[in-house]
N, C-alpha and C. Protein backbone atom coordinates (compact mmCIF):
# COMPACT_ATOMS: atom_id res chain seq x y z
N ASP A 1 0.83 -1.19 0.00
CA ASP A 1 0.00 0.00 0.00
C ASP A 1 0.87 1.26 0.00
N ARG A 2 0.25 2.40 -0.15
CA ARG A 2 0.97 3.66 -0.29
C ARG A 2 1.80 4.00 0.95
N ARG A 3 1.25 3.77 2.15
CA ARG A 3 1.99 4.08 3.37
C ARG A 3 3.28 3.26 3.46
N SER A 4 3.17 1.99 3.15
CA SER A 4 4.36 1.14 3.19
C SER A 4 5.39 1.60 2.17
N PHE A 5 4.93 1.94 0.99
CA PHE A 5 5.83 2.41 -0.05
C PHE A 5 6.56 3.67 0.41
N ILE A 6 5.83 4.64 0.94
CA ILE A 6 6.43 5.89 1.39
C ILE A 6 7.41 5.63 2.54
N ARG A 7 6.99 4.82 3.51
CA ARG A 7 7.86 4.52 4.65
C ARG A 7 9.13 3.81 4.17
N ASN A 8 8.99 2.83 3.32
CA ASN A 8 10.16 2.08 2.83
C ASN A 8 11.07 2.95 1.99
N THR A 9 10.49 3.83 1.21
CA THR A 9 11.29 4.76 0.41
C THR A 9 12.08 5.69 1.32
N GLY A 10 11.42 6.19 2.36
CA GLY A 10 12.10 7.06 3.33
C GLY A 10 13.24 6.35 4.02
N VAL A 11 13.02 5.11 4.42
CA VAL A 11 14.07 4.32 5.07
C VAL A 11 15.23 4.10 4.10
N LEU A 12 14.92 3.81 2.86
CA LEU A 12 15.94 3.59 1.85
C LEU A 12 16.79 4.84 1.64
N VAL A 13 16.14 5.99 1.50
CA VAL A 13 16.87 7.25 1.30
C VAL A 13 17.72 7.57 2.51
N LEU A 14 17.15 7.46 3.71
CA LEU A 14 17.91 7.75 4.93
C LEU A 14 19.09 6.80 5.09
N SER A 15 18.88 5.53 4.79
CA SER A 15 19.99 4.59 4.93
C SER A 15 21.09 4.88 3.93
N SER A 16 20.73 5.36 2.75
CA SER A 16 21.76 5.69 1.76
C SER A 16 22.56 6.90 2.19
N ILE A 17 21.95 7.81 2.95
CA ILE A 17 22.66 8.98 3.45
C ILE A 17 23.56 8.58 4.62
N VAL A 18 23.03 7.77 5.52
CA VAL A 18 23.78 7.36 6.70
C VAL A 18 24.96 6.46 6.32
N PHE A 19 24.71 5.51 5.44
CA PHE A 19 25.75 4.56 5.05
C PHE A 19 26.31 4.96 3.69
N LYS A 20 27.15 5.99 3.70
CA LYS A 20 27.64 6.57 2.45
C LYS A 20 28.48 5.61 1.61
N GLY A 21 28.96 4.56 2.20
CA GLY A 21 29.84 3.66 1.47
C GLY A 21 29.11 2.71 0.54
N ASN A 22 27.81 2.61 0.65
CA ASN A 22 27.14 1.60 -0.19
C ASN A 22 26.88 2.12 -1.60
N ALA A 23 26.65 1.20 -2.51
CA ALA A 23 26.47 1.54 -3.92
C ALA A 23 25.26 2.43 -4.14
N LEU A 24 24.19 2.23 -3.35
CA LEU A 24 22.98 3.02 -3.53
C LEU A 24 23.26 4.50 -3.28
N SER A 25 24.00 4.80 -2.21
CA SER A 25 24.27 6.20 -1.92
C SER A 25 25.16 6.81 -2.99
N GLU A 26 26.07 6.03 -3.56
CA GLU A 26 26.93 6.56 -4.61
C GLU A 26 26.11 6.88 -5.86
N PHE A 27 25.04 6.11 -6.08
CA PHE A 27 24.19 6.36 -7.24
C PHE A 27 23.38 7.64 -7.05
N TYR A 28 22.82 7.82 -5.85
CA TYR A 28 21.93 8.95 -5.61
C TYR A 28 22.65 10.21 -5.16
N ILE A 29 23.81 10.08 -4.53
CA ILE A 29 24.52 11.24 -4.00
C ILE A 29 25.78 11.39 -4.82
N SER A 30 25.81 12.39 -5.66
CA SER A 30 26.92 12.57 -6.58
C SER A 30 27.59 13.92 -6.36
N ASP A 31 28.89 13.93 -6.50
CA ASP A 31 29.64 15.18 -6.42
C ASP A 31 29.79 15.81 -7.81
N MET A 32 29.17 15.20 -8.82
CA MET A 32 29.28 15.71 -10.17
C MET A 32 28.76 17.14 -10.26
N LYS A 33 29.49 17.97 -10.96
CA LYS A 33 29.06 19.36 -11.16
C LYS A 33 27.78 19.36 -12.00
N ARG A 34 26.80 20.09 -11.53
CA ARG A 34 25.55 20.22 -12.28
C ARG A 34 25.71 21.30 -13.34
N ILE A 35 25.16 21.03 -14.51
CA ILE A 35 25.21 21.96 -15.64
C ILE A 35 23.79 22.43 -15.90
N LYS A 36 23.57 23.72 -15.79
CA LYS A 36 22.24 24.27 -16.06
C LYS A 36 22.24 24.87 -17.47
N PRO A 37 21.34 24.42 -18.32
CA PRO A 37 21.30 25.00 -19.67
C PRO A 37 20.83 26.45 -19.62
N LYS A 38 21.21 27.20 -20.62
CA LYS A 38 20.79 28.60 -20.70
C LYS A 38 19.27 28.69 -20.85
N ALA A 39 18.71 29.73 -20.26
CA ALA A 39 17.28 30.00 -20.43
C ALA A 39 17.00 30.24 -21.90
N LEU A 40 15.83 29.83 -22.34
CA LEU A 40 15.45 30.04 -23.73
C LEU A 40 14.85 31.43 -23.89
N LYS A 41 14.99 31.96 -25.09
CA LYS A 41 14.42 33.29 -25.38
C LYS A 41 13.81 33.28 -26.78
N ALA A 42 12.95 34.24 -27.00
CA ALA A 42 12.34 34.37 -28.33
C ALA A 42 13.45 34.44 -29.37
N GLY A 43 13.25 33.76 -30.47
CA GLY A 43 14.24 33.71 -31.53
C GLY A 43 15.11 32.45 -31.48
N ASP A 44 15.14 31.77 -30.33
CA ASP A 44 15.91 30.52 -30.23
C ASP A 44 15.25 29.43 -31.07
N THR A 45 16.08 28.49 -31.49
CA THR A 45 15.60 27.36 -32.27
C THR A 45 15.35 26.18 -31.35
N ILE A 46 14.15 25.63 -31.45
CA ILE A 46 13.72 24.49 -30.65
C ILE A 46 13.45 23.33 -31.60
N ALA A 47 13.94 22.15 -31.23
CA ALA A 47 13.66 20.94 -32.01
C ALA A 47 12.56 20.14 -31.30
N ILE A 48 11.65 19.64 -32.08
CA ILE A 48 10.62 18.73 -31.56
C ILE A 48 10.97 17.33 -32.08
N THR A 49 11.07 16.39 -31.16
CA THR A 49 11.45 15.03 -31.51
C THR A 49 10.53 14.04 -30.78
N SER A 50 10.58 12.80 -31.20
CA SER A 50 9.82 11.77 -30.52
C SER A 50 10.74 10.57 -30.27
N PRO A 51 11.48 10.59 -29.15
CA PRO A 51 12.42 9.51 -28.89
C PRO A 51 11.78 8.24 -28.34
N ALA A 52 10.47 8.24 -28.18
CA ALA A 52 9.78 7.08 -27.63
C ALA A 52 8.73 6.59 -28.63
N GLY A 53 7.46 6.82 -28.31
CA GLY A 53 6.37 6.31 -29.13
C GLY A 53 6.17 7.08 -30.44
N ALA A 54 5.63 6.35 -31.41
CA ALA A 54 5.32 6.96 -32.71
C ALA A 54 4.20 7.98 -32.57
N VAL A 55 4.25 8.99 -33.41
CA VAL A 55 3.21 10.02 -33.44
C VAL A 55 2.22 9.61 -34.53
N TRP A 56 0.97 9.43 -34.11
CA TRP A 56 -0.05 8.95 -35.05
C TRP A 56 -0.95 10.06 -35.54
N ASP A 57 -0.84 11.25 -34.95
CA ASP A 57 -1.73 12.36 -35.30
C ASP A 57 -0.89 13.59 -35.64
N ASP A 58 -0.72 13.85 -36.93
CA ASP A 58 0.08 14.99 -37.38
C ASP A 58 -0.49 16.33 -36.90
N ALA A 59 -1.78 16.38 -36.65
CA ALA A 59 -2.40 17.62 -36.17
C ALA A 59 -1.83 18.01 -34.81
N GLN A 60 -1.48 17.02 -33.97
CA GLN A 60 -0.88 17.33 -32.67
C GLN A 60 0.47 18.00 -32.83
N VAL A 61 1.24 17.57 -33.81
CA VAL A 61 2.55 18.19 -34.08
C VAL A 61 2.35 19.64 -34.50
N GLU A 62 1.40 19.86 -35.38
CA GLU A 62 1.12 21.23 -35.84
C GLU A 62 0.65 22.10 -34.67
N THR A 63 -0.22 21.59 -33.83
CA THR A 63 -0.71 22.35 -32.68
C THR A 63 0.44 22.71 -31.74
N PHE A 64 1.31 21.73 -31.44
CA PHE A 64 2.45 21.97 -30.56
C PHE A 64 3.43 22.95 -31.19
N SER A 65 3.69 22.81 -32.47
CA SER A 65 4.58 23.75 -33.17
C SER A 65 4.04 25.17 -33.05
N ASN A 66 2.75 25.33 -33.22
CA ASN A 66 2.14 26.67 -33.12
C ASN A 66 2.23 27.23 -31.70
N ILE A 67 2.10 26.37 -30.69
CA ILE A 67 2.26 26.83 -29.31
C ILE A 67 3.67 27.37 -29.10
N LEU A 68 4.66 26.61 -29.56
CA LEU A 68 6.05 27.04 -29.38
C LEU A 68 6.37 28.27 -30.22
N LYS A 69 5.81 28.36 -31.40
CA LYS A 69 5.98 29.58 -32.21
C LYS A 69 5.37 30.77 -31.51
N GLY A 70 4.28 30.53 -30.76
CA GLY A 70 3.64 31.59 -29.99
C GLY A 70 4.55 32.15 -28.91
N PHE A 71 5.51 31.35 -28.43
CA PHE A 71 6.52 31.83 -27.48
C PHE A 71 7.65 32.57 -28.18
N GLY A 72 7.60 32.59 -29.51
CA GLY A 72 8.63 33.28 -30.28
C GLY A 72 9.77 32.39 -30.74
N PHE A 73 9.64 31.07 -30.60
CA PHE A 73 10.71 30.17 -30.99
C PHE A 73 10.64 29.82 -32.47
N ASN A 74 11.80 29.54 -33.05
CA ASN A 74 11.90 28.92 -34.37
C ASN A 74 11.86 27.42 -34.15
N ILE A 75 11.20 26.70 -35.02
CA ILE A 75 10.96 25.27 -34.81
C ILE A 75 11.62 24.42 -35.88
N ILE A 76 12.26 23.35 -35.43
CA ILE A 76 12.75 22.28 -36.32
C ILE A 76 11.97 21.02 -35.95
N LEU A 77 11.44 20.37 -36.95
CA LEU A 77 10.71 19.12 -36.71
C LEU A 77 11.63 17.94 -36.99
N GLY A 78 11.78 17.07 -35.99
CA GLY A 78 12.63 15.89 -36.14
C GLY A 78 12.01 14.86 -37.06
N LYS A 79 12.86 14.05 -37.66
CA LYS A 79 12.40 12.99 -38.55
C LYS A 79 11.57 11.95 -37.81
N THR A 80 11.83 11.79 -36.51
CA THR A 80 11.10 10.77 -35.74
C THR A 80 9.62 11.09 -35.62
N LEU A 81 9.23 12.31 -35.90
CA LEU A 81 7.81 12.67 -35.84
C LEU A 81 7.01 11.98 -36.94
N LYS A 82 7.70 11.52 -37.98
CA LYS A 82 7.03 10.85 -39.11
C LYS A 82 7.36 9.35 -39.17
N GLU A 83 8.35 8.92 -38.41
CA GLU A 83 8.80 7.53 -38.45
C GLU A 83 7.84 6.60 -37.70
N LYS A 84 7.73 5.40 -38.19
CA LYS A 84 6.94 4.36 -37.53
C LYS A 84 7.75 3.06 -37.59
N HIS A 85 7.98 2.48 -36.45
CA HIS A 85 8.62 1.18 -36.36
C HIS A 85 7.89 0.42 -35.27
N GLY A 86 6.78 -0.22 -35.66
CA GLY A 86 5.88 -0.78 -34.67
C GLY A 86 5.30 0.36 -33.85
N TYR A 87 5.41 0.26 -32.56
CA TYR A 87 4.91 1.29 -31.65
C TYR A 87 5.86 2.49 -31.57
N PHE A 88 7.11 2.31 -31.97
CA PHE A 88 8.15 3.33 -31.80
C PHE A 88 8.19 4.34 -32.95
N ALA A 89 8.78 5.48 -32.66
CA ALA A 89 8.97 6.54 -33.66
C ALA A 89 10.29 6.29 -34.39
N GLY A 90 10.41 5.14 -35.01
CA GLY A 90 11.63 4.76 -35.70
C GLY A 90 12.37 3.70 -34.92
N THR A 91 13.41 3.17 -35.53
CA THR A 91 14.22 2.16 -34.86
C THR A 91 14.97 2.81 -33.69
N ASP A 92 15.52 2.00 -32.82
CA ASP A 92 16.31 2.52 -31.71
C ASP A 92 17.46 3.37 -32.23
N GLU A 93 18.10 2.90 -33.30
CA GLU A 93 19.24 3.63 -33.86
C GLU A 93 18.81 4.99 -34.42
N VAL A 94 17.68 5.04 -35.10
CA VAL A 94 17.19 6.31 -35.66
C VAL A 94 16.86 7.30 -34.55
N ARG A 95 16.18 6.84 -33.51
CA ARG A 95 15.78 7.73 -32.42
C ARG A 95 16.99 8.23 -31.63
N ALA A 96 17.95 7.34 -31.37
CA ALA A 96 19.17 7.75 -30.65
C ALA A 96 20.00 8.71 -31.50
N LYS A 97 20.12 8.42 -32.79
CA LYS A 97 20.90 9.31 -33.67
C LYS A 97 20.29 10.70 -33.71
N GLU A 98 18.96 10.77 -33.77
CA GLU A 98 18.33 12.09 -33.80
C GLU A 98 18.64 12.87 -32.52
N LEU A 99 18.56 12.23 -31.37
CA LEU A 99 18.90 12.92 -30.12
C LEU A 99 20.35 13.37 -30.11
N ASN A 100 21.27 12.49 -30.49
CA ASN A 100 22.68 12.84 -30.54
C ASN A 100 22.92 14.01 -31.49
N ASP A 101 22.31 13.95 -32.67
CA ASP A 101 22.47 15.03 -33.66
C ASP A 101 21.89 16.35 -33.16
N LEU A 102 20.75 16.30 -32.48
CA LEU A 102 20.14 17.55 -31.97
C LEU A 102 21.01 18.17 -30.88
N PHE A 103 21.60 17.34 -30.02
CA PHE A 103 22.51 17.90 -29.01
C PHE A 103 23.76 18.47 -29.66
N ALA A 104 24.24 17.87 -30.73
CA ALA A 104 25.45 18.35 -31.40
C ALA A 104 25.19 19.62 -32.22
N ASP A 105 23.96 19.84 -32.64
CA ASP A 105 23.60 20.98 -33.49
C ASP A 105 23.65 22.29 -32.68
N LYS A 106 24.61 23.14 -33.01
CA LYS A 106 24.84 24.39 -32.26
C LYS A 106 23.67 25.36 -32.34
N LYS A 107 22.88 25.29 -33.41
CA LYS A 107 21.78 26.26 -33.52
C LYS A 107 20.56 25.85 -32.68
N VAL A 108 20.48 24.57 -32.30
CA VAL A 108 19.36 24.10 -31.48
C VAL A 108 19.64 24.44 -30.02
N LYS A 109 18.72 25.17 -29.39
CA LYS A 109 18.88 25.59 -27.99
C LYS A 109 18.02 24.77 -27.04
N GLY A 110 17.01 24.08 -27.57
CA GLY A 110 16.13 23.27 -26.73
C GLY A 110 15.60 22.09 -27.52
N ILE A 111 15.38 20.99 -26.81
CA ILE A 111 14.84 19.77 -27.41
C ILE A 111 13.58 19.41 -26.63
N PHE A 112 12.46 19.42 -27.32
CA PHE A 112 11.17 19.14 -26.68
C PHE A 112 10.61 17.86 -27.27
N CYS A 113 10.14 17.00 -26.40
CA CYS A 113 9.62 15.71 -26.83
C CYS A 113 8.13 15.80 -27.13
N MET A 114 7.73 15.19 -28.21
CA MET A 114 6.34 15.25 -28.65
C MET A 114 5.44 14.37 -27.79
N LYS A 115 5.96 13.22 -27.37
CA LYS A 115 5.15 12.31 -26.55
C LYS A 115 6.06 11.33 -25.84
N GLY A 116 5.49 10.65 -24.88
CA GLY A 116 6.20 9.59 -24.18
C GLY A 116 5.87 8.27 -24.82
N GLY A 117 5.49 7.32 -24.00
CA GLY A 117 5.14 6.01 -24.52
C GLY A 117 6.01 4.94 -23.92
N TRP A 118 6.88 4.37 -24.74
CA TRP A 118 7.78 3.32 -24.27
C TRP A 118 8.95 3.24 -25.23
N GLY A 119 10.12 2.90 -24.72
CA GLY A 119 11.26 2.64 -25.60
C GLY A 119 12.51 3.44 -25.30
N CYS A 120 12.45 4.45 -24.45
CA CYS A 120 13.64 5.28 -24.20
C CYS A 120 14.76 4.49 -23.53
N ALA A 121 14.43 3.52 -22.70
CA ALA A 121 15.48 2.72 -22.05
C ALA A 121 16.33 2.00 -23.09
N ARG A 122 15.76 1.72 -24.24
CA ARG A 122 16.49 1.05 -25.31
C ARG A 122 17.52 1.95 -25.98
N LEU A 123 17.48 3.25 -25.69
CA LEU A 123 18.39 4.20 -26.31
C LEU A 123 19.61 4.53 -25.45
N LEU A 124 19.55 4.22 -24.17
CA LEU A 124 20.55 4.72 -23.23
C LEU A 124 21.98 4.35 -23.60
N ASP A 125 22.21 3.16 -24.10
CA ASP A 125 23.57 2.77 -24.47
C ASP A 125 23.97 3.29 -25.84
N LYS A 126 23.08 3.99 -26.52
CA LYS A 126 23.35 4.52 -27.85
C LYS A 126 23.55 6.05 -27.83
N LEU A 127 23.37 6.66 -26.67
CA LEU A 127 23.53 8.12 -26.58
C LEU A 127 25.00 8.47 -26.39
N ASN A 128 25.39 9.59 -26.96
CA ASN A 128 26.75 10.08 -26.81
C ASN A 128 26.76 11.11 -25.68
N TYR A 129 27.05 10.65 -24.48
CA TYR A 129 26.97 11.51 -23.30
C TYR A 129 28.02 12.61 -23.32
N THR A 130 29.13 12.39 -24.01
CA THR A 130 30.16 13.43 -24.13
C THR A 130 29.61 14.60 -24.94
N ILE A 131 28.98 14.31 -26.07
CA ILE A 131 28.38 15.38 -26.89
C ILE A 131 27.30 16.10 -26.09
N ILE A 132 26.49 15.36 -25.36
CA ILE A 132 25.41 15.97 -24.57
C ILE A 132 26.01 16.91 -23.52
N LYS A 133 27.05 16.47 -22.83
CA LYS A 133 27.67 17.28 -21.79
C LYS A 133 28.32 18.53 -22.37
N GLU A 134 28.91 18.40 -23.54
CA GLU A 134 29.61 19.53 -24.17
C GLU A 134 28.64 20.52 -24.84
N ASN A 135 27.38 20.14 -25.00
CA ASN A 135 26.39 20.98 -25.67
C ASN A 135 25.11 21.05 -24.82
N PRO A 136 25.21 21.63 -23.62
CA PRO A 136 24.03 21.65 -22.74
C PRO A 136 22.90 22.46 -23.35
N LYS A 137 21.72 21.90 -23.29
CA LYS A 137 20.54 22.59 -23.77
C LYS A 137 19.33 22.06 -23.02
N VAL A 138 18.25 22.80 -23.10
CA VAL A 138 17.02 22.40 -22.44
C VAL A 138 16.51 21.12 -23.08
N LEU A 139 16.22 20.12 -22.25
CA LEU A 139 15.56 18.90 -22.68
C LEU A 139 14.35 18.74 -21.78
N ILE A 140 13.17 18.64 -22.39
CA ILE A 140 11.94 18.60 -21.59
C ILE A 140 11.01 17.49 -22.07
N GLY A 141 10.38 16.84 -21.11
CA GLY A 141 9.41 15.80 -21.40
C GLY A 141 9.03 15.07 -20.12
N PHE A 142 8.15 14.10 -20.23
CA PHE A 142 7.77 13.26 -19.09
C PHE A 142 7.31 11.91 -19.61
N SER A 143 6.76 11.11 -18.74
CA SER A 143 6.36 9.75 -19.05
C SER A 143 7.62 8.96 -19.36
N ASP A 144 7.70 8.26 -20.45
CA ASP A 144 8.88 7.47 -20.75
C ASP A 144 10.12 8.33 -20.95
N ILE A 145 9.95 9.60 -21.27
CA ILE A 145 11.07 10.52 -21.45
C ILE A 145 11.86 10.65 -20.15
N THR A 146 11.22 10.39 -19.02
CA THR A 146 11.89 10.46 -17.72
C THR A 146 13.13 9.57 -17.71
N THR A 147 13.10 8.46 -18.41
CA THR A 147 14.27 7.59 -18.52
C THR A 147 15.45 8.36 -19.08
N LEU A 148 15.22 9.12 -20.14
CA LEU A 148 16.30 9.93 -20.74
C LEU A 148 16.76 11.02 -19.79
N LEU A 149 15.79 11.69 -19.17
CA LEU A 149 16.13 12.79 -18.26
C LEU A 149 17.05 12.31 -17.14
N LEU A 150 16.69 11.19 -16.53
CA LEU A 150 17.48 10.67 -15.42
C LEU A 150 18.86 10.18 -15.88
N ALA A 151 18.92 9.49 -16.98
CA ALA A 151 20.21 8.99 -17.48
C ALA A 151 21.13 10.14 -17.85
N ILE A 152 20.60 11.13 -18.54
CA ILE A 152 21.43 12.27 -18.97
C ILE A 152 21.91 13.06 -17.77
N THR A 153 21.03 13.33 -16.81
CA THR A 153 21.45 14.06 -15.62
C THR A 153 22.50 13.26 -14.84
N THR A 154 22.29 11.97 -14.68
CA THR A 154 23.22 11.13 -13.92
C THR A 154 24.58 11.05 -14.60
N LYS A 155 24.61 10.90 -15.92
CA LYS A 155 25.87 10.68 -16.62
C LYS A 155 26.60 11.97 -17.01
N THR A 156 25.88 13.10 -17.08
CA THR A 156 26.53 14.33 -17.55
C THR A 156 26.46 15.48 -16.55
N GLY A 157 25.51 15.44 -15.64
CA GLY A 157 25.30 16.57 -14.73
C GLY A 157 24.35 17.61 -15.30
N LEU A 158 23.91 17.43 -16.56
CA LEU A 158 22.99 18.39 -17.18
C LEU A 158 21.64 18.35 -16.49
N ILE A 159 21.18 19.50 -16.07
CA ILE A 159 19.84 19.60 -15.49
C ILE A 159 18.83 19.51 -16.63
N THR A 160 17.90 18.57 -16.49
CA THR A 160 16.87 18.37 -17.50
C THR A 160 15.53 18.72 -16.86
N TYR A 161 14.49 18.78 -17.65
CA TYR A 161 13.20 19.28 -17.17
C TYR A 161 12.09 18.26 -17.36
N HIS A 162 11.53 17.85 -16.23
CA HIS A 162 10.37 16.96 -16.25
C HIS A 162 9.17 17.88 -16.44
N GLY A 163 8.66 17.94 -17.64
CA GLY A 163 7.58 18.87 -17.95
C GLY A 163 6.76 18.37 -19.11
N PRO A 164 5.88 19.21 -19.60
CA PRO A 164 4.91 18.77 -20.62
C PRO A 164 5.56 18.34 -21.93
N VAL A 165 4.92 17.38 -22.56
CA VAL A 165 5.29 16.97 -23.91
C VAL A 165 4.32 17.63 -24.88
N GLY A 166 4.57 17.45 -26.15
CA GLY A 166 3.75 18.12 -27.16
C GLY A 166 2.29 17.77 -27.13
N ASN A 167 1.98 16.52 -26.81
CA ASN A 167 0.57 16.15 -26.82
C ASN A 167 -0.06 16.29 -25.43
N SER A 168 0.59 17.05 -24.54
CA SER A 168 0.01 17.39 -23.23
C SER A 168 -1.02 18.50 -23.41
N GLY A 169 -1.77 18.75 -22.38
CA GLY A 169 -2.66 19.91 -22.38
C GLY A 169 -1.87 21.17 -22.04
N TRP A 170 -1.75 22.06 -22.97
CA TRP A 170 -0.99 23.30 -22.76
C TRP A 170 -1.96 24.41 -22.38
N ASN A 171 -2.50 24.35 -21.16
CA ASN A 171 -3.42 25.39 -20.70
C ASN A 171 -2.62 26.60 -20.18
N ASP A 172 -3.31 27.61 -19.68
CA ASP A 172 -2.65 28.82 -19.22
C ASP A 172 -1.66 28.55 -18.08
N PHE A 173 -2.05 27.67 -17.14
CA PHE A 173 -1.15 27.33 -16.03
C PHE A 173 0.15 26.73 -16.56
N THR A 174 0.03 25.78 -17.49
CA THR A 174 1.20 25.13 -18.07
C THR A 174 2.07 26.13 -18.79
N LYS A 175 1.46 26.98 -19.60
CA LYS A 175 2.22 27.98 -20.35
C LYS A 175 2.94 28.95 -19.42
N ASN A 176 2.25 29.42 -18.38
CA ASN A 176 2.88 30.36 -17.44
C ASN A 176 4.02 29.70 -16.67
N SER A 177 3.82 28.48 -16.25
CA SER A 177 4.89 27.75 -15.54
C SER A 177 6.09 27.54 -16.46
N PHE A 178 5.81 27.19 -17.69
CA PHE A 178 6.87 27.00 -18.68
C PHE A 178 7.68 28.28 -18.85
N ILE A 179 7.00 29.39 -19.02
CA ILE A 179 7.69 30.69 -19.19
C ILE A 179 8.54 31.00 -17.97
N ASN A 180 7.99 30.80 -16.76
CA ASN A 180 8.74 31.10 -15.55
C ASN A 180 10.02 30.27 -15.43
N VAL A 181 9.94 28.98 -15.72
CA VAL A 181 11.08 28.10 -15.51
C VAL A 181 12.04 28.12 -16.69
N ILE A 182 11.55 27.95 -17.89
CA ILE A 182 12.40 27.77 -19.06
C ILE A 182 12.87 29.09 -19.67
N GLN A 183 12.04 30.12 -19.63
CA GLN A 183 12.45 31.39 -20.23
C GLN A 183 12.94 32.40 -19.19
N ASN A 184 12.29 32.48 -18.04
CA ASN A 184 12.68 33.46 -17.03
C ASN A 184 13.63 32.89 -15.99
N ALA A 185 13.90 31.58 -16.06
CA ALA A 185 14.82 30.89 -15.16
C ALA A 185 14.46 31.07 -13.68
N LYS A 186 13.16 31.07 -13.39
CA LYS A 186 12.70 31.15 -12.00
C LYS A 186 12.37 29.74 -11.52
N PRO A 187 12.58 29.52 -10.20
CA PRO A 187 12.21 28.18 -9.68
C PRO A 187 10.71 27.96 -9.71
């Protein structure tokens, strides 16, 4: 039940702090320097990609592109938005290559995920963490994208953003929160 889960999680976290020598504490407590990407501003180029599930509704991509254009961003649409490989937005190699290429692309300042789904864990050994670390940029998403966020933060120190994907509901609260965190760099 929920109480047991919370209690056990608390015990686990506390024990990892108290017993610093164990592997769990080394995983969760890192001395790695954190890298915060630059705040985004109007005129920046944002890439929309789908590193997890395939996008079945092109209208959602257009709607999300228009929302981001409304913030003043220039938009690049990733090839994975059109790819289909079963449930995935392309093969593992295609999806990983697109992420690596977007991080390497100097004109791209932010990478926004169109949707979650399943499959990001299959990309982790295919990502170039050196390129990601050397080219810090905003990466935002949730659901299966959380796998990427955690791996990238753990392996590079880059702060990533657990936030809305393209097919999320972008209401006024979401838009205002997005502006405060991603553009105005407020907590």
